[in-house]
Protein backbone atom coordinates (compact mmCIF):
# COMPACT_ATOMS: atom_id res chain seq x y z
CA UNK A 1 0.00 0.00 0.00
CA UNK A 2 2.88 2.39 0.72
CA UNK A 3 3.95 2.10 -2.90
CA UNK A 4 0.35 2.97 -3.85
CA UNK A 5 -0.13 -0.41 -5.48
CA UNK A 6 -3.75 -0.46 -4.34
CA UNK A 7 -4.91 -3.47 -6.37
CA UNK A 8 -2.05 -5.63 -5.10
CA UNK A 9 -2.66 -4.43 -1.55
CA UNK A 10 -6.38 -5.23 -1.80
CA UNK A 11 -5.60 -8.69 -3.19
CA UNK A 12 -3.20 -9.33 -0.31
CA UNK A 13 -5.83 -8.24 2.23
CA UNK A 14 -8.43 -10.52 0.64
CA UNK A 15 -5.98 -13.46 0.65
CA UNK A 16 -5.08 -12.79 4.29
CA UNK A 17 -8.76 -12.77 5.30
CA UNK A 18 -9.51 -15.91 3.27
CA UNK A 19 -6.69 -17.75 5.05
CA UNK A 20 -7.90 -16.53 8.43
CA UNK A 21 -4.67 -14.66 9.13
CA UNK A 22 -5.25 -11.64 11.29
CA UNK A 23 -3.42 -8.38 11.52
CA UNK A 24 -2.58 -7.04 14.96
CA UNK A 25 -4.58 -3.82 15.41
CA UNK A 26 -2.86 -0.65 16.59
CA UNK A 27 -3.64 -0.04 20.24
CA UNK A 28 -2.56 2.64 22.73
CA UNK A 29 -3.00 2.90 26.49
CA UNK A 30 -3.01 5.74 28.97
CA UNK A 31 -3.20 5.05 32.71
CA UNK A 32 -4.87 7.71 34.85
CA UNK A 33 -3.77 8.77 38.34
CA UNK A 34 -6.07 6.22 40.00
CA UNK A 35 -4.53 3.35 38.01
CA UNK A 36 -7.38 2.89 35.53
CA UNK A 37 -6.07 1.92 32.08
CA UNK A 38 -7.82 3.58 29.14
CA UNK A 39 -7.38 1.68 25.87
CA UNK A 40 -7.79 3.11 22.37
CA UNK A 41 -7.81 1.51 18.91
CA UNK A 42 -7.50 3.28 15.58
CA UNK A 43 -10.75 5.08 14.74
CA UNK A 44 -12.09 4.16 18.17
CA UNK A 45 -15.46 5.69 19.07
CA UNK A 46 -16.55 3.26 21.78
CA UNK A 47 -14.93 5.14 24.66
CA UNK A 48 -17.65 6.85 26.73
CA UNK A 49 -15.85 10.18 26.22
CA UNK A 50 -15.15 9.81 22.48
CA UNK A 51 -17.00 13.00 21.65
CA UNK A 52 -14.71 15.04 23.92
CA UNK A 53 -11.62 13.24 22.64
CA UNK A 54 -12.37 14.02 18.99
CA UNK A 55 -13.39 17.58 19.91
CA UNK A 56 -9.99 18.07 21.55
CA UNK A 57 -8.25 16.81 18.41
CA UNK A 58 -10.32 19.19 16.28
CA UNK A 59 -9.12 22.05 18.50
CA UNK A 60 -5.49 20.91 18.35
CA UNK A 61 -5.08 20.46 14.59
CA UNK A 62 -5.43 24.16 13.61
CA UNK A 63 -3.02 25.17 16.41
CA UNK A 64 -0.53 22.57 15.22
CA UNK A 65 -0.85 23.67 11.58
CA UNK A 66 -0.28 27.28 12.64
CA UNK A 67 3.05 26.13 14.11
CA UNK A 68 3.98 24.34 10.87
CA UNK A 69 2.48 20.85 11.18
CA UNK A 70 1.72 19.23 7.83
CA UNK A 71 -0.02 15.82 8.00
CA UNK A 72 2.12 13.05 6.54
CA UNK A 73 -0.55 11.61 4.27
CA UNK A 74 1.72 8.74 3.20
CA UNK A 75 1.22 7.33 6.72
CA UNK A 76 -2.34 6.44 5.71
CA UNK A 77 -2.29 3.14 3.85
CA UNK A 78 -5.78 3.53 2.41
CA UNK A 79 -6.80 4.38 -1.15
CA UNK A 80 -8.89 7.43 -0.23
CA UNK A 81 -8.80 11.18 -0.88
CA UNK A 82 -6.27 13.40 0.88
CA UNK A 83 -9.01 14.94 3.06
CA UNK A 84 -10.15 11.47 4.08
CA UNK A 85 -6.55 10.47 4.80
CA UNK A 86 -6.12 13.48 7.07
CA UNK A 87 -9.28 12.55 8.97
CA UNK A 88 -8.17 8.90 9.18
CA UNK A 89 -4.77 9.91 10.59
CA UNK A 90 -6.54 11.96 13.25
CA UNK A 91 -8.05 8.73 14.59
CA UNK A 92 -4.78 6.89 15.23
CA UNK A 93 -4.80 5.30 18.67
CA UNK A 94 -1.91 7.29 20.12
CA UNK A 95 -3.55 10.59 19.15
CA UNK A 96 -6.77 9.46 20.82
CA UNK A 97 -4.89 8.48 23.98
CA UNK A 98 -3.02 11.79 24.05
CA UNK A 99 -6.19 13.83 23.50
CA UNK A 100 -7.92 11.95 26.31
CA UNK A 101 -4.96 12.49 28.63
CA UNK A 102 -4.96 16.20 27.77
CA UNK A 103 -8.64 16.37 28.72
CA UNK A 104 -8.02 14.57 32.02
CA UNK A 105 -4.81 16.11 33.35
CA UNK A 106 -3.75 19.52 34.59
CA UNK A 107 -1.73 21.85 32.38
CA UNK A 108 1.96 21.03 32.46
CA UNK A 109 1.47 17.40 33.49
CA UNK A 110 3.67 14.91 31.67
CA UNK A 111 1.67 12.45 29.56
CA UNK A 112 2.83 8.84 29.26
CA UNK A 113 1.27 6.46 26.76
CA UNK A 114 2.11 2.98 25.49
CA UNK A 115 1.54 1.71 21.94
CA UNK A 116 1.73 -1.94 20.89
CA UNK A 117 3.12 -1.22 17.39
CA UNK A 118 5.59 1.30 15.95
CA UNK A 119 4.52 4.94 15.91
CA UNK A 120 3.91 6.08 12.32
CA UNK A 121 5.70 9.11 10.89
CA UNK A 122 2.61 11.30 11.08
CA UNK A 123 1.95 10.46 14.73
CA UNK A 124 5.59 11.09 15.57
CA UNK A 125 5.45 14.55 13.97
CA UNK A 126 1.99 15.34 15.33
CA UNK A 127 2.98 14.40 18.88
CA UNK A 128 5.96 16.75 18.69
CA UNK A 129 3.62 19.58 17.66
CA UNK A 130 1.11 18.67 20.37
CA UNK A 131 3.91 18.89 22.95
CA UNK A 132 4.72 22.35 21.62
CA UNK A 133 1.22 23.85 21.48
CA UNK A 134 0.13 22.28 24.77
CA UNK A 135 3.45 22.93 26.54
CA UNK A 136 3.66 19.32 27.70
CA UNK A 137 6.21 16.58 27.81
CA UNK A 138 4.78 13.48 26.13
CA UNK A 139 6.45 10.10 26.51
CA UNK A 140 5.37 7.29 24.20
CA UNK A 141 6.66 3.75 24.52
CA UNK A 142 6.11 1.86 21.29
CA UNK A 143 7.17 -1.61 20.13
CA UNK A 144 10.77 -0.49 19.53
CA UNK A 145 11.70 2.47 21.68
CA UNK A 146 10.76 5.33 23.96
CA UNK A 147 9.89 8.60 22.26
CA UNK A 148 10.15 11.74 24.40
CA UNK A 149 8.56 14.90 23.01
CA UNK A 150 9.16 18.24 24.67
CA UNK A 151 8.72 21.75 23.29
CA UNK A 152 8.06 20.39 19.81
CA UNK A 153 11.13 18.17 19.63
C-alpha atoms as a PDB file:
ATOM      1  CA  UNK A   1       0.000   0.000   0.000  1.00  0.00           C
ATOM      2  CA  UNK A   2       2.878   2.395   0.724  1.00  0.00           C
ATOM      3  CA  UNK A   3       3.950   2.096  -2.905  1.00  0.00           C
ATOM      4  CA  UNK A   4       0.355   2.973  -3.854  1.00  0.00           C
ATOM      5  CA  UNK A   5      -0.131  -0.412  -5.475  1.00  0.00           C
ATOM      6  CA  UNK A   6      -3.753  -0.457  -4.340  1.00  0.00           C
ATOM      7  CA  UNK A   7      -4.912  -3.468  -6.374  1.00  0.00           C
ATOM      8  CA  UNK A   8      -2.053  -5.631  -5.102  1.00  0.00           C
ATOM      9  CA  UNK A   9      -2.658  -4.425  -1.546  1.00  0.00           C
ATOM     10  CA  UNK A  10      -6.375  -5.228  -1.802  1.00  0.00           C
ATOM     11  CA  UNK A  11      -5.602  -8.695  -3.187  1.00  0.00           C
ATOM     12  CA  UNK A  12      -3.200  -9.333  -0.312  1.00  0.00           C
ATOM     13  CA  UNK A  13      -5.835  -8.240   2.233  1.00  0.00           C
ATOM     14  CA  UNK A  14      -8.430 -10.524   0.636  1.00  0.00           C
ATOM     15  CA  UNK A  15      -5.983 -13.458   0.648  1.00  0.00           C
ATOM     16  CA  UNK A  16      -5.077 -12.789   4.290  1.00  0.00           C
ATOM     17  CA  UNK A  17      -8.756 -12.768   5.302  1.00  0.00           C
ATOM     18  CA  UNK A  18      -9.509 -15.905   3.271  1.00  0.00           C
ATOM     19  CA  UNK A  19      -6.691 -17.748   5.054  1.00  0.00           C
ATOM     20  CA  UNK A  20      -7.900 -16.531   8.430  1.00  0.00           C
ATOM     21  CA  UNK A  21      -4.675 -14.663   9.131  1.00  0.00           C
ATOM     22  CA  UNK A  22      -5.247 -11.639  11.290  1.00  0.00           C
ATOM     23  CA  UNK A  23      -3.420  -8.376  11.517  1.00  0.00           C
ATOM     24  CA  UNK A  24      -2.582  -7.038  14.956  1.00  0.00           C
ATOM     25  CA  UNK A  25      -4.582  -3.816  15.414  1.00  0.00           C
ATOM     26  CA  UNK A  26      -2.858  -0.650  16.589  1.00  0.00           C
ATOM     27  CA  UNK A  27      -3.644  -0.038  20.240  1.00  0.00           C
ATOM     28  CA  UNK A  28      -2.563   2.638  22.728  1.00  0.00           C
ATOM     29  CA  UNK A  29      -3.005   2.897  26.488  1.00  0.00           C
ATOM     30  CA  UNK A  30      -3.006   5.744  28.974  1.00  0.00           C
ATOM     31  CA  UNK A  31      -3.201   5.055  32.708  1.00  0.00           C
ATOM     32  CA  UNK A  32      -4.870   7.711  34.847  1.00  0.00           C
ATOM     33  CA  UNK A  33      -3.774   8.771  38.339  1.00  0.00           C
ATOM     34  CA  UNK A  34      -6.070   6.217  40.002  1.00  0.00           C
ATOM     35  CA  UNK A  35      -4.531   3.355  38.009  1.00  0.00           C
ATOM     36  CA  UNK A  36      -7.377   2.894  35.526  1.00  0.00           C
ATOM     37  CA  UNK A  37      -6.068   1.916  32.085  1.00  0.00           C
ATOM     38  CA  UNK A  38      -7.819   3.583  29.137  1.00  0.00           C
ATOM     39  CA  UNK A  39      -7.379   1.678  25.865  1.00  0.00           C
ATOM     40  CA  UNK A  40      -7.794   3.108  22.369  1.00  0.00           C
ATOM     41  CA  UNK A  41      -7.815   1.508  18.914  1.00  0.00           C
ATOM     42  CA  UNK A  42      -7.500   3.277  15.577  1.00  0.00           C
ATOM     43  CA  UNK A  43     -10.750   5.082  14.739  1.00  0.00           C
ATOM     44  CA  UNK A  44     -12.092   4.161  18.174  1.00  0.00           C
ATOM     45  CA  UNK A  45     -15.458   5.686  19.067  1.00  0.00           C
ATOM     46  CA  UNK A  46     -16.551   3.261  21.781  1.00  0.00           C
ATOM     47  CA  UNK A  47     -14.932   5.135  24.661  1.00  0.00           C
ATOM     48  CA  UNK A  48     -17.648   6.855  26.732  1.00  0.00           C
ATOM     49  CA  UNK A  49     -15.855  10.180  26.216  1.00  0.00           C
ATOM     50  CA  UNK A  50     -15.154   9.805  22.482  1.00  0.00           C
ATOM     51  CA  UNK A  51     -16.997  13.004  21.647  1.00  0.00           C
ATOM     52  CA  UNK A  52     -14.710  15.039  23.919  1.00  0.00           C
ATOM     53  CA  UNK A  53     -11.620  13.238  22.637  1.00  0.00           C
ATOM     54  CA  UNK A  54     -12.371  14.019  18.992  1.00  0.00           C
ATOM     55  CA  UNK A  55     -13.387  17.583  19.912  1.00  0.00           C
ATOM     56  CA  UNK A  56      -9.986  18.070  21.550  1.00  0.00           C
ATOM     57  CA  UNK A  57      -8.246  16.806  18.406  1.00  0.00           C
ATOM     58  CA  UNK A  58     -10.324  19.188  16.279  1.00  0.00           C
ATOM     59  CA  UNK A  59      -9.122  22.054  18.501  1.00  0.00           C
ATOM     60  CA  UNK A  60      -5.493  20.910  18.348  1.00  0.00           C
ATOM     61  CA  UNK A  61      -5.080  20.456  14.590  1.00  0.00           C
ATOM     62  CA  UNK A  62      -5.428  24.159  13.610  1.00  0.00           C
ATOM     63  CA  UNK A  63      -3.018  25.175  16.408  1.00  0.00           C
ATOM     64  CA  UNK A  64      -0.529  22.570  15.217  1.00  0.00           C
ATOM     65  CA  UNK A  65      -0.849  23.673  11.584  1.00  0.00           C
ATOM     66  CA  UNK A  66      -0.283  27.280  12.636  1.00  0.00           C
ATOM     67  CA  UNK A  67       3.047  26.134  14.107  1.00  0.00           C
ATOM     68  CA  UNK A  68       3.983  24.338  10.867  1.00  0.00           C
ATOM     69  CA  UNK A  69       2.481  20.854  11.177  1.00  0.00           C
ATOM     70  CA  UNK A  70       1.718  19.233   7.833  1.00  0.00           C
ATOM     71  CA  UNK A  71      -0.019  15.824   8.000  1.00  0.00           C
ATOM     72  CA  UNK A  72       2.121  13.047   6.543  1.00  0.00           C
ATOM     73  CA  UNK A  73      -0.549  11.607   4.265  1.00  0.00           C
ATOM     74  CA  UNK A  74       1.716   8.739   3.198  1.00  0.00           C
ATOM     75  CA  UNK A  75       1.221   7.332   6.721  1.00  0.00           C
ATOM     76  CA  UNK A  76      -2.340   6.435   5.710  1.00  0.00           C
ATOM     77  CA  UNK A  77      -2.291   3.135   3.853  1.00  0.00           C
ATOM     78  CA  UNK A  78      -5.781   3.533   2.411  1.00  0.00           C
ATOM     79  CA  UNK A  79      -6.803   4.377  -1.152  1.00  0.00           C
ATOM     80  CA  UNK A  80      -8.892   7.430  -0.230  1.00  0.00           C
ATOM     81  CA  UNK A  81      -8.804  11.183  -0.878  1.00  0.00           C
ATOM     82  CA  UNK A  82      -6.271  13.402   0.883  1.00  0.00           C
ATOM     83  CA  UNK A  83      -9.010  14.944   3.056  1.00  0.00           C
ATOM     84  CA  UNK A  84     -10.152  11.468   4.081  1.00  0.00           C
ATOM     85  CA  UNK A  85      -6.548  10.468   4.804  1.00  0.00           C
ATOM     86  CA  UNK A  86      -6.117  13.480   7.066  1.00  0.00           C
ATOM     87  CA  UNK A  87      -9.280  12.547   8.974  1.00  0.00           C
ATOM     88  CA  UNK A  88      -8.165   8.902   9.185  1.00  0.00           C
ATOM     89  CA  UNK A  89      -4.769   9.913  10.588  1.00  0.00           C
ATOM     90  CA  UNK A  90      -6.544  11.956  13.253  1.00  0.00           C
ATOM     91  CA  UNK A  91      -8.050   8.731  14.591  1.00  0.00           C
ATOM     92  CA  UNK A  92      -4.785   6.888  15.228  1.00  0.00           C
ATOM     93  CA  UNK A  93      -4.802   5.298  18.665  1.00  0.00           C
ATOM     94  CA  UNK A  94      -1.909   7.292  20.117  1.00  0.00           C
ATOM     95  CA  UNK A  95      -3.546  10.588  19.151  1.00  0.00           C
ATOM     96  CA  UNK A  96      -6.774   9.465  20.821  1.00  0.00           C
ATOM     97  CA  UNK A  97      -4.892   8.479  23.981  1.00  0.00           C
ATOM     98  CA  UNK A  98      -3.017  11.791  24.047  1.00  0.00           C
ATOM     99  CA  UNK A  99      -6.195  13.832  23.503  1.00  0.00           C
ATOM    100  CA  UNK A 100      -7.923  11.953  26.311  1.00  0.00           C
ATOM    101  CA  UNK A 101      -4.957  12.487  28.631  1.00  0.00           C
ATOM    102  CA  UNK A 102      -4.956  16.204  27.772  1.00  0.00           C
ATOM    103  CA  UNK A 103      -8.640  16.367  28.720  1.00  0.00           C
ATOM    104  CA  UNK A 104      -8.024  14.574  32.018  1.00  0.00           C
ATOM    105  CA  UNK A 105      -4.805  16.107  33.349  1.00  0.00           C
ATOM    106  CA  UNK A 106      -3.747  19.519  34.592  1.00  0.00           C
ATOM    107  CA  UNK A 107      -1.728  21.848  32.378  1.00  0.00           C
ATOM    108  CA  UNK A 108       1.960  21.034  32.460  1.00  0.00           C
ATOM    109  CA  UNK A 109       1.466  17.402  33.495  1.00  0.00           C
ATOM    110  CA  UNK A 110       3.673  14.906  31.667  1.00  0.00           C
ATOM    111  CA  UNK A 111       1.666  12.455  29.564  1.00  0.00           C
ATOM    112  CA  UNK A 112       2.830   8.841  29.258  1.00  0.00           C
ATOM    113  CA  UNK A 113       1.271   6.455  26.763  1.00  0.00           C
ATOM    114  CA  UNK A 114       2.108   2.976  25.491  1.00  0.00           C
ATOM    115  CA  UNK A 115       1.536   1.707  21.943  1.00  0.00           C
ATOM    116  CA  UNK A 116       1.727  -1.937  20.887  1.00  0.00           C
ATOM    117  CA  UNK A 117       3.124  -1.218  17.393  1.00  0.00           C
ATOM    118  CA  UNK A 118       5.587   1.296  15.951  1.00  0.00           C
ATOM    119  CA  UNK A 119       4.523   4.942  15.915  1.00  0.00           C
ATOM    120  CA  UNK A 120       3.908   6.080  12.316  1.00  0.00           C
ATOM    121  CA  UNK A 121       5.703   9.105  10.891  1.00  0.00           C
ATOM    122  CA  UNK A 122       2.611  11.304  11.080  1.00  0.00           C
ATOM    123  CA  UNK A 123       1.946  10.455  14.730  1.00  0.00           C
ATOM    124  CA  UNK A 124       5.593  11.094  15.567  1.00  0.00           C
ATOM    125  CA  UNK A 125       5.453  14.545  13.970  1.00  0.00           C
ATOM    126  CA  UNK A 126       1.985  15.339  15.327  1.00  0.00           C
ATOM    127  CA  UNK A 127       2.980  14.398  18.876  1.00  0.00           C
ATOM    128  CA  UNK A 128       5.959  16.749  18.686  1.00  0.00           C
ATOM    129  CA  UNK A 129       3.625  19.583  17.661  1.00  0.00           C
ATOM    130  CA  UNK A 130       1.110  18.669  20.375  1.00  0.00           C
ATOM    131  CA  UNK A 131       3.911  18.886  22.945  1.00  0.00           C
ATOM    132  CA  UNK A 132       4.721  22.353  21.624  1.00  0.00           C
ATOM    133  CA  UNK A 133       1.221  23.847  21.477  1.00  0.00           C
ATOM    134  CA  UNK A 134       0.133  22.277  24.771  1.00  0.00           C
ATOM    135  CA  UNK A 135       3.453  22.933  26.544  1.00  0.00           C
ATOM    136  CA  UNK A 136       3.656  19.321  27.702  1.00  0.00           C
ATOM    137  CA  UNK A 137       6.208  16.578  27.814  1.00  0.00           C
ATOM    138  CA  UNK A 138       4.785  13.480  26.134  1.00  0.00           C
ATOM    139  CA  UNK A 139       6.451  10.100  26.514  1.00  0.00           C
ATOM    140  CA  UNK A 140       5.372   7.290  24.204  1.00  0.00           C
ATOM    141  CA  UNK A 141       6.656   3.750  24.520  1.00  0.00           C
ATOM    142  CA  UNK A 142       6.111   1.863  21.287  1.00  0.00           C
ATOM    143  CA  UNK A 143       7.172  -1.605  20.130  1.00  0.00           C
ATOM    144  CA  UNK A 144      10.767  -0.489  19.531  1.00  0.00           C
ATOM    145  CA  UNK A 145      11.702   2.474  21.680  1.00  0.00           C
ATOM    146  CA  UNK A 146      10.763   5.326  23.955  1.00  0.00           C
ATOM    147  CA  UNK A 147       9.891   8.604  22.265  1.00  0.00           C
ATOM    148  CA  UNK A 148      10.150  11.742  24.398  1.00  0.00           C
ATOM    149  CA  UNK A 149       8.562  14.901  23.015  1.00  0.00           C
ATOM    150  CA  UNK A 150       9.165  18.236  24.671  1.00  0.00           C
ATOM    151  CA  UNK A 151       8.719  21.753  23.290  1.00  0.00           C
ATOM    152  CA  UNK A 152       8.063  20.392  19.813  1.00  0.00           C
ATOM    153  CA  UNK A 153      11.133  18.166  19.632  1.00  0.00           C
END
